[in-house]
Amino acid sequence: MAPSVELYACGFNAHNQLSFNTAAPEATPKDIHTLQKILGGTSIRLLFAGWSTTVVDVNGTLRSHSGFLKLPAGSTASGIDSVFGDHTGVLGALTVDGKLLLCKDDDGDEIRLECVDYGSNPDNASAKIAHLTIPGTGKVYISPFPSPSKSATTSIDQPPSTTTSSIAPSAPHLLQTHTSLPDLLHPPKPATTQTHRLPHPPTQLLSSASTLVALLPTGEIYTWGDPRHQHLGRTPTPSTPAQEPGHVTALGGIAIRKIASAGWMTGAVSRDGDLYVWGGR
């Protein structure tokens, strides 16, 4: 029998975003002060946890607290790599092969996701998106799929070691910044796209209220954005200012496997299972 997986949560619940009992969401309190089980299944992937919305893949079905996410014909939940949004809720998703899906008008208890032909834009010919995140500033940050010669083979789920590792040097990986989703799809003329440089293509790219966080295949973390609330996890310097990606050296070479970021806090799980949290001050 397949092993059972359980999802626990606590915190702010005014929008019933932690209430997956769709028959009686009001049965869940508006604030959950201790960890409680909210879902169970043979497989669970937490894809999006926003201020007012939570999206999970439960046994191959995409669910939110308000119902289900309807995928384009021929698509499956296993083909969804990530879901993105902002304080208003879910805005779209990325497939494992880099296609961009955007949410359309709600249809009853469903949120429809439709494929957007991002690659048809002449400025983005043959473009595929590996990561997309929207911080509280409303800007859109994307990490394009790297070329095969730049691709890293390190997996965040099956890491090779517990210390940060070196990868053969390559040209810096450029992250793109757009003012909004419409700007991403139809850049103004002249183009106003900004870029940020990372040493390698990230395995995760996340954002919070005012900070960007990137996890590299080496197990290193880079942050940039608003330096308040100790949210960067590092002290900005003239060589690595707050608004440019900088290495979080306070982890002391400990390789990180997975990161999460929201509000004014960031968490990181090391490859040997320890949890590190910073920010929120």
Protein backbone atom coordinates (compact mmCIF):
# COMPACT_ATOMS: atom_id res chain seq x y z
CA MET A 1 0.00 0.00 0.00
CA ALA A 2 1.30 3.46 -0.89
CA PRO A 3 2.53 5.46 2.11
CA SER A 4 0.21 8.13 3.47
CA VAL A 5 1.26 11.79 3.34
CA GLU A 6 -0.26 14.44 5.59
CA LEU A 7 -0.18 18.23 5.27
CA TYR A 8 -0.21 20.32 8.44
CA ALA A 9 -0.69 24.09 8.66
CA CYS A 10 -1.33 26.94 11.07
CA GLY A 11 -1.69 30.71 10.97
CA PHE A 12 -3.95 33.34 9.41
CA ASN A 13 -7.07 31.79 7.89
CA ALA A 14 -9.53 34.64 7.33
CA HIS A 15 -10.00 33.62 3.68
CA ASN A 16 -10.38 29.92 4.55
CA GLN A 17 -7.16 29.32 2.65
CA LEU A 18 -6.33 26.53 5.11
CA SER A 19 -9.84 25.04 4.96
CA PHE A 20 -9.94 22.16 2.50
CA ASN A 21 -13.22 20.91 3.91
CA THR A 22 -15.11 22.54 1.03
CA ALA A 23 -18.45 21.24 2.32
CA ALA A 24 -18.13 23.30 5.51
CA PRO A 25 -15.15 25.68 5.35
CA GLU A 26 -16.63 27.75 8.15
CA ALA A 27 -15.89 24.83 10.48
CA THR A 28 -12.22 25.83 10.43
CA PRO A 29 -11.34 28.78 12.69
CA LYS A 30 -10.15 32.08 11.18
CA ASP A 31 -6.85 31.77 13.00
CA ILE A 32 -5.16 28.42 13.57
CA HIS A 33 -2.71 28.79 16.44
CA THR A 34 -1.15 25.33 16.39
CA LEU A 35 -0.26 22.94 13.58
CA GLN A 36 -3.31 21.01 12.41
CA LYS A 37 -3.75 18.38 9.73
CA ILE A 38 -5.61 19.90 6.77
CA LEU A 39 -5.09 17.25 4.08
CA GLY A 40 -4.03 13.67 3.60
CA GLY A 41 -3.29 11.44 0.62
CA THR A 42 -0.86 9.06 -1.03
CA SER A 43 0.97 12.04 -2.55
CA ILE A 44 0.85 15.76 -1.78
CA ARG A 45 2.74 18.66 -3.38
CA LEU A 46 2.34 22.13 -1.93
CA LEU A 47 2.50 24.35 -5.02
CA PHE A 48 1.43 27.78 -3.74
CA ALA A 49 0.87 29.27 -0.29
CA GLY A 50 -0.26 32.88 -0.57
CA TRP A 51 -1.88 35.45 1.67
CA SER A 52 -5.38 34.38 0.63
CA THR A 53 -4.94 31.16 -1.38
CA THR A 54 -3.32 27.75 -1.05
CA VAL A 55 -2.86 25.32 -3.96
CA VAL A 56 -1.83 21.68 -3.59
CA ASP A 57 -1.53 18.65 -5.84
CA VAL A 58 -3.33 15.87 -3.97
CA ASN A 59 -3.13 12.43 -5.57
CA GLY A 60 -2.78 14.01 -9.03
CA THR A 61 -5.54 16.62 -8.66
CA LEU A 62 -4.88 20.34 -8.25
CA ARG A 63 -6.94 21.75 -5.40
CA SER A 64 -7.36 25.10 -3.73
CA HIS A 65 -9.48 25.91 -0.70
CA SER A 66 -12.22 27.20 -3.00
CA GLY A 67 -12.37 24.22 -5.36
CA PHE A 68 -10.27 22.85 -8.20
CA LEU A 69 -7.88 24.19 -10.83
CA LYS A 70 -8.97 23.19 -14.32
CA LEU A 71 -6.04 22.41 -16.61
CA PRO A 72 -5.92 22.73 -20.42
CA ALA A 73 -7.01 19.65 -22.36
CA GLY A 74 -4.34 16.97 -22.37
CA SER A 75 -2.54 18.38 -19.32
CA THR A 76 -2.13 16.61 -16.00
CA ALA A 77 -1.21 17.74 -12.51
CA SER A 78 2.10 15.91 -12.77
CA GLY A 79 2.97 18.22 -15.65
CA ILE A 80 2.65 21.32 -13.44
CA ASP A 81 6.00 22.35 -11.98
CA SER A 82 4.91 25.39 -9.99
CA VAL A 83 2.01 27.78 -9.34
CA PHE A 84 2.50 31.52 -8.90
CA GLY A 85 0.41 34.43 -7.72
CA ASP A 86 0.29 37.48 -5.47
CA HIS A 87 -1.83 38.79 -2.58
CA THR A 88 -4.94 38.57 -4.78
CA GLY A 89 -4.55 34.82 -5.29
CA VAL A 90 -3.41 32.47 -8.02
CA LEU A 91 -2.35 34.07 -11.31
CA GLY A 92 -0.90 31.15 -13.24
CA ALA A 93 1.40 28.17 -13.40
CA LEU A 94 4.47 26.80 -15.16
CA THR A 95 4.68 23.35 -16.70
CA VAL A 96 7.70 21.09 -16.36
CA ASP A 97 8.65 21.88 -19.95
CA GLY A 98 8.57 25.66 -19.43
CA LYS A 99 5.12 26.57 -20.77
CA LEU A 100 3.27 29.48 -19.18
CA LEU A 101 -0.34 29.02 -18.05
CA LEU A 102 -2.45 31.96 -16.91
CA CYS A 103 -5.67 31.94 -14.90
CA LYS A 104 -8.86 32.94 -16.67
CA ASP A 105 -12.21 33.89 -15.19
CA ASP A 106 -13.40 31.58 -12.46
CA ASP A 107 -15.96 29.02 -13.63
CA GLY A 108 -18.06 28.17 -10.60
CA ASP A 109 -15.83 26.23 -8.20
CA GLU A 110 -13.01 25.98 -10.75
CA ILE A 111 -10.10 28.20 -11.69
CA ARG A 112 -9.32 27.72 -15.39
CA LEU A 113 -5.69 27.67 -16.47
CA GLU A 114 -5.00 28.33 -20.13
CA CYS A 115 -1.72 28.10 -22.02
CA VAL A 116 -0.21 31.39 -23.18
CA ASP A 117 1.98 31.29 -26.27
CA TYR A 118 4.79 33.21 -24.63
CA GLY A 119 7.27 31.98 -27.26
CA SER A 120 5.29 33.62 -30.08
CA ASN A 121 6.48 37.03 -28.92
CA PRO A 122 9.36 37.94 -31.28
CA ASP A 123 11.41 39.13 -28.30
CA ASN A 124 10.94 35.76 -26.59
CA ALA A 125 11.29 33.39 -29.55
CA SER A 126 11.65 29.79 -28.41
CA ALA A 127 11.65 31.04 -24.81
CA LYS A 128 10.81 28.70 -21.97
CA ILE A 129 10.45 29.74 -18.34
CA ALA A 130 12.01 27.65 -15.58
CA HIS A 131 10.90 29.83 -12.65
CA LEU A 132 8.53 32.79 -12.21
CA THR A 133 7.85 34.71 -9.02
CA ILE A 134 6.05 37.93 -8.08
CA PRO A 135 7.08 39.72 -4.86
CA GLY A 136 4.95 42.26 -3.03
CA THR A 137 6.29 45.00 -5.31
CA GLY A 138 4.24 43.53 -8.17
CA LYS A 139 7.20 43.07 -10.48
CA VAL A 140 7.65 39.76 -12.31
CA TYR A 141 10.96 37.92 -12.06
CA ILE A 142 11.66 35.00 -14.38
CA SER A 143 14.50 32.56 -14.83
CA PRO A 144 14.63 31.28 -18.43
CA PHE A 145 15.46 27.65 -19.11
CA PRO A 146 19.26 27.37 -19.32
CA SER A 147 20.89 25.98 -22.42
CA PRO A 148 21.88 22.28 -22.14
CA SER A 149 25.53 23.24 -21.70
CA LYS A 150 24.62 25.28 -18.60
CA SER A 151 22.17 22.85 -17.06
CA ALA A 152 23.08 21.48 -13.64
CA THR A 153 22.30 17.91 -12.69
CA THR A 154 22.11 18.46 -8.93
CA SER A 155 18.67 17.56 -7.56
CA ILE A 156 17.20 19.32 -4.53
CA ASP A 157 15.44 16.08 -3.60
CA GLN A 158 18.45 13.76 -3.89
CA PRO A 159 21.46 15.90 -2.92
CA PRO A 160 24.96 14.45 -3.22
CA SER A 161 26.51 16.01 -0.10
CA THR A 162 25.80 18.12 2.99
CA THR A 163 28.27 20.89 2.16
CA THR A 164 28.14 23.41 -0.64
CA SER A 165 29.81 22.11 -3.78
CA SER A 166 31.56 23.71 -6.71
CA ILE A 167 30.28 23.54 -10.28
CA ALA A 168 32.36 24.27 -13.33
CA PRO A 169 32.32 28.04 -14.00
CA SER A 170 30.07 29.24 -16.81
CA ALA A 171 28.66 32.50 -18.09
CA PRO A 172 26.44 34.16 -15.45
CA HIS A 173 22.78 33.19 -15.55
CA LEU A 174 20.56 36.20 -16.20
CA LEU A 175 17.22 36.65 -14.45
CA GLN A 176 14.73 38.95 -16.15
CA THR A 177 12.61 41.55 -14.36
CA HIS A 178 9.35 42.87 -15.84
CA THR A 179 7.02 45.49 -14.41
CA SER A 180 3.95 43.23 -14.73
CA LEU A 181 2.59 40.10 -16.41
CA PRO A 182 1.30 42.11 -19.43
CA ASP A 183 4.76 43.63 -19.72
CA LEU A 184 6.23 40.12 -19.74
CA LEU A 185 3.96 39.02 -22.59
CA HIS A 186 4.11 42.25 -24.58
CA PRO A 187 7.24 44.25 -23.70
CA PRO A 188 7.01 47.96 -24.37
CA LYS A 189 9.17 49.60 -26.99
CA PRO A 190 11.94 50.30 -26.26
CA ALA A 191 12.23 47.25 -24.01
CA THR A 192 12.67 48.06 -20.32
CA THR A 193 13.62 44.59 -19.09
CA GLN A 194 16.09 44.57 -16.21
CA THR A 195 18.40 41.69 -15.43
CA HIS A 196 20.08 40.23 -12.36
CA ARG A 197 23.09 37.92 -12.51
CA LEU A 198 23.50 34.63 -10.68
CA PRO A 199 26.54 32.33 -10.90
CA HIS A 200 24.34 29.39 -11.99
CA PRO A 201 20.71 28.76 -13.01
CA PRO A 202 18.69 28.44 -9.78
CA THR A 203 16.90 25.28 -8.71
CA GLN A 204 14.38 27.50 -6.87
CA LEU A 205 13.49 31.17 -7.30
CA LEU A 206 11.08 32.57 -4.70
CA SER A 207 9.94 35.93 -3.41
CA SER A 208 8.25 37.44 -0.39
CA ALA A 209 6.84 40.86 0.44
CA SER A 210 9.99 42.65 -0.66
CA THR A 211 12.82 40.15 -1.15
CA LEU A 212 13.98 37.66 -3.78
CA VAL A 213 15.59 34.35 -2.80
CA ALA A 214 17.43 31.98 -5.16
CA LEU A 215 18.73 28.51 -4.37
CA LEU A 216 21.61 27.38 -6.57
CA PRO A 217 22.52 23.77 -7.46
CA THR A 218 25.64 24.22 -5.32
CA GLY A 219 23.41 24.45 -2.23
CA GLU A 220 24.12 28.18 -1.86
CA ILE A 221 21.47 30.88 -1.33
CA TYR A 222 21.47 34.33 -2.92
CA THR A 223 19.14 37.13 -1.82
CA TRP A 224 18.36 40.70 -2.88
CA GLY A 225 15.71 43.36 -2.32
CA ASP A 226 14.58 45.34 0.73
CA PRO A 227 17.28 45.12 3.46
CA ARG A 228 14.87 45.87 6.31
CA HIS A 229 13.63 43.27 8.82
CA GLN A 230 16.93 41.33 8.43
CA HIS A 231 15.19 39.57 5.58
CA LEU A 232 18.22 39.33 3.30
CA GLY A 233 20.06 37.13 5.75
CA ARG A 234 23.20 39.10 4.93
CA THR A 235 24.68 42.56 5.38
CA PRO A 236 24.74 44.62 2.16
CA THR A 237 28.17 45.91 1.13
CA PRO A 238 29.41 48.22 -1.65
CA SER A 239 30.40 45.15 -3.69
CA THR A 240 27.09 43.32 -3.07
CA PRO A 241 24.41 45.97 -2.42
CA ALA A 242 20.92 45.05 -1.27
CA GLN A 243 19.43 45.43 -4.75
CA GLU A 244 21.81 42.92 -6.34
CA PRO A 245 21.98 39.14 -5.67
CA GLY A 246 24.37 38.44 -2.81
CA HIS A 247 25.53 35.19 -1.22
CA VAL A 248 24.12 34.37 2.24
CA THR A 249 27.45 33.47 3.80
CA ALA A 250 26.03 33.22 7.34
CA LEU A 251 25.10 29.61 6.58
CA GLY A 252 28.81 28.85 6.70
CA GLY A 253 29.01 26.50 3.75
CA ILE A 254 26.03 24.36 4.80
CA ALA A 255 24.37 23.04 1.65
CA ILE A 256 20.68 23.85 1.37
CA ARG A 257 18.16 21.47 -0.21
CA LYS A 258 14.98 23.56 -0.25
CA ILE A 259 13.81 27.09 0.55
CA ALA A 260 10.53 28.85 1.36
CA SER A 261 9.82 32.57 1.63
CA ALA A 262 6.76 34.70 2.47
CA GLY A 263 5.91 37.88 4.31
CA TRP A 264 9.20 39.07 5.79
CA MET A 265 10.71 35.67 6.59
CA THR A 266 12.68 33.00 4.74
CA GLY A 267 13.31 29.39 5.71
CA ALA A 268 15.88 26.92 4.40
CA VAL A 269 16.20 23.16 4.94
CA SER A 270 19.74 21.82 4.74
CA ARG A 271 20.67 18.61 2.97
CA ASP A 272 21.06 16.92 6.35
CA GLY A 273 17.58 17.99 7.48
CA ASP A 274 18.20 21.07 9.66
CA LEU A 275 15.91 24.11 9.40
CA TYR A 276 17.24 27.69 9.30
CA VAL A 277 14.92 30.72 9.50
CA TRP A 278 15.68 34.45 9.29
CA GLY A 279 13.88 37.79 8.95
CA GLY A 280 10.71 39.08 10.54
CA ARG A 281 12.36 41.70 12.79
